C-alpha atoms as a PDB file:
ATOM      1  CA  UNK A   1     -19.530 -28.502  10.947  1.00  0.00           C
ATOM      2  CA  UNK A   2     -17.008 -26.562  12.990  1.00  0.00           C
ATOM      3  CA  UNK A   3     -14.387 -29.291  12.586  1.00  0.00           C
ATOM      4  CA  UNK A   4     -13.160 -27.668   9.348  1.00  0.00           C
ATOM      5  CA  UNK A   5     -12.147 -24.564  11.301  1.00  0.00           C
ATOM      6  CA  UNK A   6     -10.019 -26.394  13.870  1.00  0.00           C
ATOM      7  CA  UNK A   7      -6.997 -26.411  11.541  1.00  0.00           C
ATOM      8  CA  UNK A   8      -7.296 -22.650  11.040  1.00  0.00           C
ATOM      9  CA  UNK A   9      -7.618 -22.049  14.788  1.00  0.00           C
ATOM     10  CA  UNK A  10      -4.543 -24.211  15.465  1.00  0.00           C
ATOM     11  CA  UNK A  11      -2.573 -22.339  12.795  1.00  0.00           C
ATOM     12  CA  UNK A  12      -3.519 -18.963  14.281  1.00  0.00           C
ATOM     13  CA  UNK A  13      -2.621 -20.169  17.784  1.00  0.00           C
ATOM     14  CA  UNK A  14       0.778 -21.496  16.638  1.00  0.00           C
ATOM     15  CA  UNK A  15       1.553 -18.291  14.713  1.00  0.00           C
ATOM     16  CA  UNK A  16       0.628 -16.174  17.748  1.00  0.00           C
ATOM     17  CA  UNK A  17       2.758 -18.350  20.017  1.00  0.00           C
ATOM     18  CA  UNK A  18       5.752 -18.104  17.681  1.00  0.00           C
ATOM     19  CA  UNK A  19       5.361 -14.301  17.500  1.00  0.00           C
ATOM     20  CA  UNK A  20       5.281 -13.976  21.303  1.00  0.00           C
ATOM     21  CA  UNK A  21       8.286 -16.286  21.650  1.00  0.00           C
ATOM     22  CA  UNK A  22      10.284 -14.247  19.107  1.00  0.00           C
ATOM     23  CA  UNK A  23       9.459 -10.962  20.833  1.00  0.00           C
ATOM     24  CA  UNK A  24      10.243 -12.422  24.241  1.00  0.00           C
ATOM     25  CA  UNK A  25      13.592 -13.861  23.139  1.00  0.00           C
ATOM     26  CA  UNK A  26      14.534 -10.560  21.521  1.00  0.00           C
ATOM     27  CA  UNK A  27      13.776  -8.682  24.719  1.00  0.00           C
ATOM     28  CA  UNK A  28      15.531 -11.255  26.869  1.00  0.00           C
ATOM     29  CA  UNK A  29      18.739 -11.689  24.876  1.00  0.00           C
ATOM     30  CA  UNK A  30      18.857  -8.414  22.929  1.00  0.00           C
ATOM     31  CA  UNK A  31      21.317  -5.593  23.636  1.00  0.00           C
ATOM     32  CA  UNK A  32      20.313  -3.324  26.481  1.00  0.00           C
ATOM     33  CA  UNK A  33      23.160  -0.814  26.444  1.00  0.00           C
ATOM     34  CA  UNK A  34      21.787   2.663  25.687  1.00  0.00           C
ATOM     35  CA  UNK A  35      24.125   5.333  24.392  1.00  0.00           C
ATOM     36  CA  UNK A  36      23.517   8.897  23.268  1.00  0.00           C
ATOM     37  CA  UNK A  37      24.147   7.916  19.644  1.00  0.00           C
ATOM     38  CA  UNK A  38      21.613   5.079  19.820  1.00  0.00           C
ATOM     39  CA  UNK A  39      18.987   7.316  21.364  1.00  0.00           C
ATOM     40  CA  UNK A  40      19.250   9.810  18.498  1.00  0.00           C
ATOM     41  CA  UNK A  41      16.569   9.684  15.829  1.00  0.00           C
ATOM     42  CA  UNK A  42      17.397   7.351  12.933  1.00  0.00           C
ATOM     43  CA  UNK A  43      20.755   6.410  14.510  1.00  0.00           C
ATOM     44  CA  UNK A  44      22.484   8.069  11.569  1.00  0.00           C
ATOM     45  CA  UNK A  45      25.324   9.542  13.585  1.00  0.00           C
ATOM     46  CA  UNK A  46      24.450  13.053  12.443  1.00  0.00           C
ATOM     47  CA  UNK A  47      23.263  15.625  14.929  1.00  0.00           C
ATOM     48  CA  UNK A  48      19.679  16.511  14.047  1.00  0.00           C
ATOM     49  CA  UNK A  49      18.823  20.163  13.530  1.00  0.00           C
ATOM     50  CA  UNK A  50      15.464  21.853  13.192  1.00  0.00           C
ATOM     51  CA  UNK A  51      12.131  20.174  13.606  1.00  0.00           C
ATOM     52  CA  UNK A  52      11.780  16.469  13.051  1.00  0.00           C
ATOM     53  CA  UNK A  53       8.681  16.949  10.960  1.00  0.00           C
ATOM     54  CA  UNK A  54       8.599  18.963   7.787  1.00  0.00           C
ATOM     55  CA  UNK A  55       5.621  19.996   5.749  1.00  0.00           C
ATOM     56  CA  UNK A  56       5.267  17.913   2.635  1.00  0.00           C
ATOM     57  CA  UNK A  57       3.850  19.566  -0.458  1.00  0.00           C
ATOM     58  CA  UNK A  58       0.280  18.611  -1.251  1.00  0.00           C
ATOM     59  CA  UNK A  59       1.350  17.838  -4.802  1.00  0.00           C
ATOM     60  CA  UNK A  60       3.235  14.758  -3.588  1.00  0.00           C
ATOM     61  CA  UNK A  61       0.088  13.334  -2.009  1.00  0.00           C
ATOM     62  CA  UNK A  62      -1.986  14.240  -5.033  1.00  0.00           C
ATOM     63  CA  UNK A  63       0.327  12.354  -7.385  1.00  0.00           C
ATOM     64  CA  UNK A  64       0.355   9.376  -5.008  1.00  0.00           C
ATOM     65  CA  UNK A  65      -3.445   9.284  -4.794  1.00  0.00           C
ATOM     66  CA  UNK A  66      -3.791   9.592  -8.563  1.00  0.00           C
ATOM     67  CA  UNK A  67      -1.320   6.750  -9.059  1.00  0.00           C
ATOM     68  CA  UNK A  68      -3.252   4.505  -6.690  1.00  0.00           C
ATOM     69  CA  UNK A  69      -6.558   5.481  -8.282  1.00  0.00           C
ATOM     70  CA  UNK A  70      -5.455   4.727 -11.842  1.00  0.00           C
ATOM     71  CA  UNK A  71      -3.527   1.638 -10.742  1.00  0.00           C
ATOM     72  CA  UNK A  72      -6.598   0.134  -9.093  1.00  0.00           C
ATOM     73  CA  UNK A  73      -8.775   0.961 -12.088  1.00  0.00           C
ATOM     74  CA  UNK A  74      -6.353  -0.802 -14.416  1.00  0.00           C
ATOM     75  CA  UNK A  75      -6.743  -3.981 -12.321  1.00  0.00           C
ATOM     76  CA  UNK A  76     -10.263  -4.290 -13.749  1.00  0.00           C
ATOM     77  CA  UNK A  77      -8.798  -5.006 -17.196  1.00  0.00           C
ATOM     78  CA  UNK A  78      -7.614  -8.528 -16.284  1.00  0.00           C
ATOM     79  CA  UNK A  79     -11.020 -10.047 -15.407  1.00  0.00           C
ATOM     80  CA  UNK A  80     -12.499  -8.376 -18.459  1.00  0.00           C
ATOM     81  CA  UNK A  81      -9.772  -9.820 -20.697  1.00  0.00           C
ATOM     82  CA  UNK A  82     -10.259 -13.297 -19.238  1.00  0.00           C
ATOM     83  CA  UNK A  83     -14.042 -13.261 -19.724  1.00  0.00           C
ATOM     84  CA  UNK A  84     -13.980 -11.279 -22.979  1.00  0.00           C
ATOM     85  CA  UNK A  85     -15.493 -14.009 -25.176  1.00  0.00           C
ATOM     86  CA  UNK A  86     -18.350 -14.758 -22.766  1.00  0.00           C
ATOM     87  CA  UNK A  87     -19.256 -11.083 -22.366  1.00  0.00           C
ATOM     88  CA  UNK A  88     -19.602 -10.464 -26.082  1.00  0.00           C
ATOM     89  CA  UNK A  89     -20.641  -7.084 -27.442  1.00  0.00           C
ATOM     90  CA  UNK A  90     -22.127  -5.965 -24.107  1.00  0.00           C
ATOM     91  CA  UNK A  91     -18.770  -6.479 -22.370  1.00  0.00           C
ATOM     92  CA  UNK A  92     -16.962  -4.583 -25.114  1.00  0.00           C
ATOM     93  CA  UNK A  93     -19.331  -1.617 -24.843  1.00  0.00           C
ATOM     94  CA  UNK A  94     -19.053  -1.583 -21.049  1.00  0.00           C
ATOM     95  CA  UNK A  95     -15.246  -1.569 -21.239  1.00  0.00           C
ATOM     96  CA  UNK A  96     -15.281   1.243 -23.797  1.00  0.00           C
ATOM     97  CA  UNK A  97     -17.456   3.274 -21.399  1.00  0.00           C
ATOM     98  CA  UNK A  98     -15.097   2.415 -18.510  1.00  0.00           C
ATOM     99  CA  UNK A  99     -11.987   3.402 -20.498  1.00  0.00           C
ATOM    100  CA  UNK A 100     -13.692   6.622 -21.629  1.00  0.00           C
ATOM    101  CA  UNK A 101     -14.455   7.595 -18.030  1.00  0.00           C
ATOM    102  CA  UNK A 102     -10.893   6.696 -17.067  1.00  0.00           C
ATOM    103  CA  UNK A 103      -9.449   8.814 -19.875  1.00  0.00           C
ATOM    104  CA  UNK A 104     -11.686  11.774 -18.998  1.00  0.00           C
ATOM    105  CA  UNK A 105     -10.364  11.645 -15.422  1.00  0.00           C
ATOM    106  CA  UNK A 106      -6.791  11.346 -16.661  1.00  0.00           C
ATOM    107  CA  UNK A 107      -7.109  14.283 -19.050  1.00  0.00           C
ATOM    108  CA  UNK A 108      -8.794  16.368 -16.325  1.00  0.00           C
ATOM    109  CA  UNK A 109      -5.940  15.662 -13.898  1.00  0.00           C
ATOM    110  CA  UNK A 110      -3.416  16.440 -16.631  1.00  0.00           C
ATOM    111  CA  UNK A 111      -5.089  19.759 -17.563  1.00  0.00           C
ATOM    112  CA  UNK A 112      -5.293  20.794 -13.893  1.00  0.00           C
ATOM    113  CA  UNK A 113      -1.528  20.234 -13.587  1.00  0.00           C
ATOM    114  CA  UNK A 114      -1.845  17.454 -11.023  1.00  0.00           C
ATOM    115  CA  UNK A 115       0.785  15.380 -12.829  1.00  0.00           C
ATOM    116  CA  UNK A 116       3.388  18.160 -12.986  1.00  0.00           C
ATOM    117  CA  UNK A 117       6.369  17.622 -10.730  1.00  0.00           C
ATOM    118  CA  UNK A 118       8.519  20.584  -9.701  1.00  0.00           C
END
């Protein structure tokens, strides 16, 4: 019964071994010369000024969360489209309810100004 899992265990062991070998070779043969320019953040060559962290507007996160939310909800259209004929009228009514809820959320976000970008 457990013989089917031996191939998976061997694959995980080989992948782990290869990862450790790659990290070890990088540390062994990689450059070790530290300079002031390399120790600067981002190694851009520009002298940093001010704090390294800045406050991001909440609106950016709100738009990102709304995008992910609506993007994930749209993924449910594919299985429905594939099984449309088997679901019949019940499947059509369920999808109309789903799309209605989705549109209500979209209109609410739009009216609240969550999709406005300044």
